[in-house]
């Protein structure tokens, strides 16, 4: 019994040492990187979804960027084979994967824009949009992504577009 008690004491001491050491390492990391690294609620999310082909993915990304719905995006041309049930029938299609970053406030609009784009392009909206909140990252990138997708940026873009339309009408 004494041997068991001694081993248990040793385990407890190791646990205390590990906790203390972890706390020290965490404090050192925060001190070293807090000026460049943010943790917690960032207000941005990463997204991923598939599109029927590269050209359509580029077209959609252009629309999303121009409307300030997304901050950035990447297209992966490696074919994604997706199998799923639709109306009780198994379908397998090849797609390209699109990933990127948007603001949390634009998540619903992103989903609607993808569905509308697929509908207008006569593709079955097999939307598989996945959004994941970003909990940590570079302060500069997070600030940039939030600014790129801000409502004021979107309003400024709409104003510039309307102004250009009026100038075009004046020239005609």
Protein backbone atom coordinates (compact mmCIF):
# COMPACT_ATOMS: atom_id res chain seq x y z
CA UNK A 1 0.00 0.00 0.00
CA UNK A 2 2.88 2.35 0.78
CA UNK A 3 4.33 1.74 -2.66
CA UNK A 4 0.98 2.62 -4.27
CA UNK A 5 0.71 5.82 -2.19
CA UNK A 6 4.25 6.80 -3.15
CA UNK A 7 3.52 6.22 -6.84
CA UNK A 8 0.31 8.24 -6.57
CA UNK A 9 2.21 11.12 -4.92
CA UNK A 10 4.79 10.98 -7.70
CA UNK A 11 2.03 11.12 -10.35
CA UNK A 12 0.46 14.11 -8.60
CA UNK A 13 3.83 15.92 -8.47
CA UNK A 14 4.40 15.21 -12.19
CA UNK A 15 0.94 16.53 -12.99
CA UNK A 16 1.55 19.72 -10.97
CA UNK A 17 4.92 20.19 -12.68
CA UNK A 18 3.37 19.69 -16.13
CA UNK A 19 0.57 22.17 -15.40
CA UNK A 20 3.00 24.76 -14.06
CA UNK A 21 5.36 24.28 -17.01
CA UNK A 22 2.46 24.50 -19.50
CA UNK A 23 1.24 27.72 -17.90
CA UNK A 24 4.75 29.18 -18.11
CA UNK A 25 5.10 28.19 -21.77
CA UNK A 26 1.67 29.65 -22.55
CA UNK A 27 2.57 32.93 -20.84
CA UNK A 28 5.89 33.07 -22.75
CA UNK A 29 4.09 32.47 -26.07
CA UNK A 30 1.51 35.15 -25.32
CA UNK A 31 4.23 37.62 -24.42
CA UNK A 32 6.25 36.78 -27.53
CA UNK A 33 3.40 36.72 -30.09
CA UNK A 34 0.44 38.71 -28.76
CA UNK A 35 1.39 41.69 -30.94
CA UNK A 36 1.05 39.59 -34.12
CA UNK A 37 -1.27 36.74 -33.19
CA UNK A 38 -4.95 36.88 -32.23
CA UNK A 39 -6.99 34.24 -30.49
CA UNK A 40 -10.69 34.03 -29.64
CA UNK A 41 -13.59 35.44 -31.65
CA UNK A 42 -12.09 36.78 -34.88
CA UNK A 43 -15.28 37.48 -36.86
CA UNK A 44 -14.06 35.55 -39.89
CA UNK A 45 -14.62 32.01 -41.14
CA UNK A 46 -12.96 29.73 -43.61
CA UNK A 47 -15.18 28.13 -46.22
CA UNK A 48 -14.97 25.27 -48.67
CA UNK A 49 -17.29 24.01 -51.35
CA UNK A 50 -17.15 22.29 -54.73
CA UNK A 51 -17.99 23.61 -58.19
CA UNK A 52 -18.67 21.73 -61.45
CA UNK A 53 -15.58 23.13 -63.23
CA UNK A 54 -12.67 25.54 -62.94
CA UNK A 55 -14.10 28.24 -65.24
CA UNK A 56 -17.37 28.41 -63.31
CA UNK A 57 -15.45 28.51 -60.02
CA UNK A 58 -13.38 31.47 -61.29
CA UNK A 59 -16.51 33.27 -62.47
CA UNK A 60 -18.24 32.81 -59.12
CA UNK A 61 -15.16 33.88 -57.16
CA UNK A 62 -14.95 37.04 -59.27
CA UNK A 63 -18.56 37.86 -58.43
CA UNK A 64 -18.08 37.16 -54.73
CA UNK A 65 -14.92 39.29 -54.55
CA UNK A 66 -16.51 42.16 -56.46
CA UNK A 67 -19.46 42.16 -54.05
CA UNK A 68 -17.07 42.00 -51.04
CA UNK A 69 -18.74 38.79 -49.82
CA UNK A 70 -15.39 37.00 -49.54
CA UNK A 71 -11.89 38.22 -48.73
CA UNK A 72 -9.94 35.62 -50.71
CA UNK A 73 -10.35 32.24 -52.38
CA UNK A 74 -8.33 29.39 -53.85
CA UNK A 75 -9.34 26.86 -56.51
CA UNK A 76 -7.89 23.37 -56.31
CA UNK A 77 -8.03 21.75 -59.73
CA UNK A 78 -7.49 18.26 -58.39
CA UNK A 79 -10.74 16.53 -59.21
CA UNK A 80 -12.96 15.88 -56.26
CA UNK A 81 -15.16 12.82 -56.68
CA UNK A 82 -18.32 13.34 -54.71
CA UNK A 83 -20.90 10.62 -54.16
CA UNK A 84 -24.24 11.32 -52.57
CA UNK A 85 -27.89 10.33 -52.63
CA UNK A 86 -30.32 12.61 -54.44
CA UNK A 87 -33.95 11.60 -54.51
CA UNK A 88 -32.92 8.08 -53.53
CA UNK A 89 -30.46 7.77 -56.43
CA UNK A 90 -26.71 7.63 -55.94
CA UNK A 91 -24.82 10.21 -57.96
CA UNK A 92 -21.09 10.54 -58.45
CA UNK A 93 -19.72 13.71 -60.00
CA UNK A 94 -16.32 15.31 -60.48
CA UNK A 95 -15.78 18.78 -59.10
CA UNK A 96 -13.07 21.30 -58.25
CA UNK A 97 -12.69 22.44 -54.65
CA UNK A 98 -12.90 26.11 -53.68
CA UNK A 99 -11.64 27.37 -50.32
CA UNK A 100 -11.34 30.82 -48.84
CA UNK A 101 -12.22 33.28 -46.12
CA UNK A 102 -15.32 35.38 -45.46
CA UNK A 103 -16.67 37.35 -42.54
CA UNK A 104 -19.09 35.65 -40.19
CA UNK A 105 -21.70 38.27 -41.08
CA UNK A 106 -21.52 37.29 -44.78
CA UNK A 107 -21.98 33.54 -44.30
CA UNK A 108 -25.68 33.50 -45.21
CA UNK A 109 -25.13 35.75 -48.21
CA UNK A 110 -22.29 33.51 -49.40
CA UNK A 111 -24.61 30.50 -49.30
CA UNK A 112 -27.35 32.33 -51.20
CA UNK A 113 -24.88 33.62 -53.82
CA UNK A 114 -23.52 30.12 -54.49
CA UNK A 115 -27.03 28.67 -54.84
CA UNK A 116 -28.13 31.48 -57.15
CA UNK A 117 -25.01 31.14 -59.29
CA UNK A 118 -25.53 27.39 -59.68
CA UNK A 119 -29.21 27.89 -60.51
CA UNK A 120 -28.53 30.55 -63.18
CA UNK A 121 -25.72 28.42 -64.66
CA UNK A 122 -28.20 25.51 -64.93
CA UNK A 123 -26.30 23.31 -62.50
CA UNK A 124 -28.16 21.34 -59.90
CA UNK A 125 -27.41 23.15 -56.65
CA UNK A 126 -25.61 20.28 -54.90
CA UNK A 127 -24.15 22.87 -52.60
CA UNK A 128 -21.81 21.48 -50.01
CA UNK A 129 -20.67 24.71 -48.38
CA UNK A 130 -18.87 24.19 -45.08
CA UNK A 131 -18.00 27.18 -42.89
CA UNK A 132 -15.60 26.96 -39.96
CA UNK A 133 -15.02 29.83 -37.55
CA UNK A 134 -11.40 30.90 -37.40
CA UNK A 135 -10.33 31.13 -33.77
CA UNK A 136 -6.74 32.26 -34.16
CA UNK A 137 -4.38 33.75 -36.68
CA UNK A 138 -2.33 36.73 -37.78
CA UNK A 139 -3.81 39.99 -36.50
CA UNK A 140 -2.98 41.70 -39.78
CA UNK A 141 -4.68 39.04 -41.90
CA UNK A 142 -7.77 38.96 -39.69
CA UNK A 143 -8.08 42.75 -39.82
CA UNK A 144 -7.56 42.72 -43.60
CA UNK A 145 -10.18 39.97 -44.16
CA UNK A 146 -12.72 41.79 -42.00
CA UNK A 147 -12.07 45.04 -43.86
CA UNK A 148 -12.36 43.33 -47.27
CA UNK A 149 -15.79 41.96 -46.39
CA UNK A 150 -17.12 44.90 -44.36
CA UNK A 151 -20.48 46.45 -45.12
CA UNK A 152 -18.82 49.85 -45.72
CA UNK A 153 -16.55 48.28 -48.34
CA UNK A 154 -19.62 46.76 -49.98
CA UNK A 155 -21.50 50.06 -49.91
CA UNK A 156 -18.52 51.90 -51.40
CA UNK A 157 -18.34 49.30 -54.18
CA UNK A 158 -22.07 49.70 -54.92
CA UNK A 159 -21.66 53.50 -54.99
CA UNK A 160 -18.70 53.27 -57.41
CA UNK A 161 -20.68 50.91 -59.66
CA UNK A 162 -23.69 53.25 -59.73
CA UNK A 163 -21.45 56.25 -60.39
CA UNK A 164 -19.82 54.41 -63.30
CA UNK A 165 -23.23 53.51 -64.73
CA UNK A 166 -24.29 57.17 -64.60
CA UNK A 167 -21.05 58.27 -66.28
CA UNK A 168 -21.58 55.65 -68.99
CA UNK A 169 -25.14 56.92 -69.55
CA UNK A 170 -23.92 60.53 -69.78
CA UNK A 171 -21.41 59.52 -72.46
CA UNK A 172 -24.03 57.78 -74.60
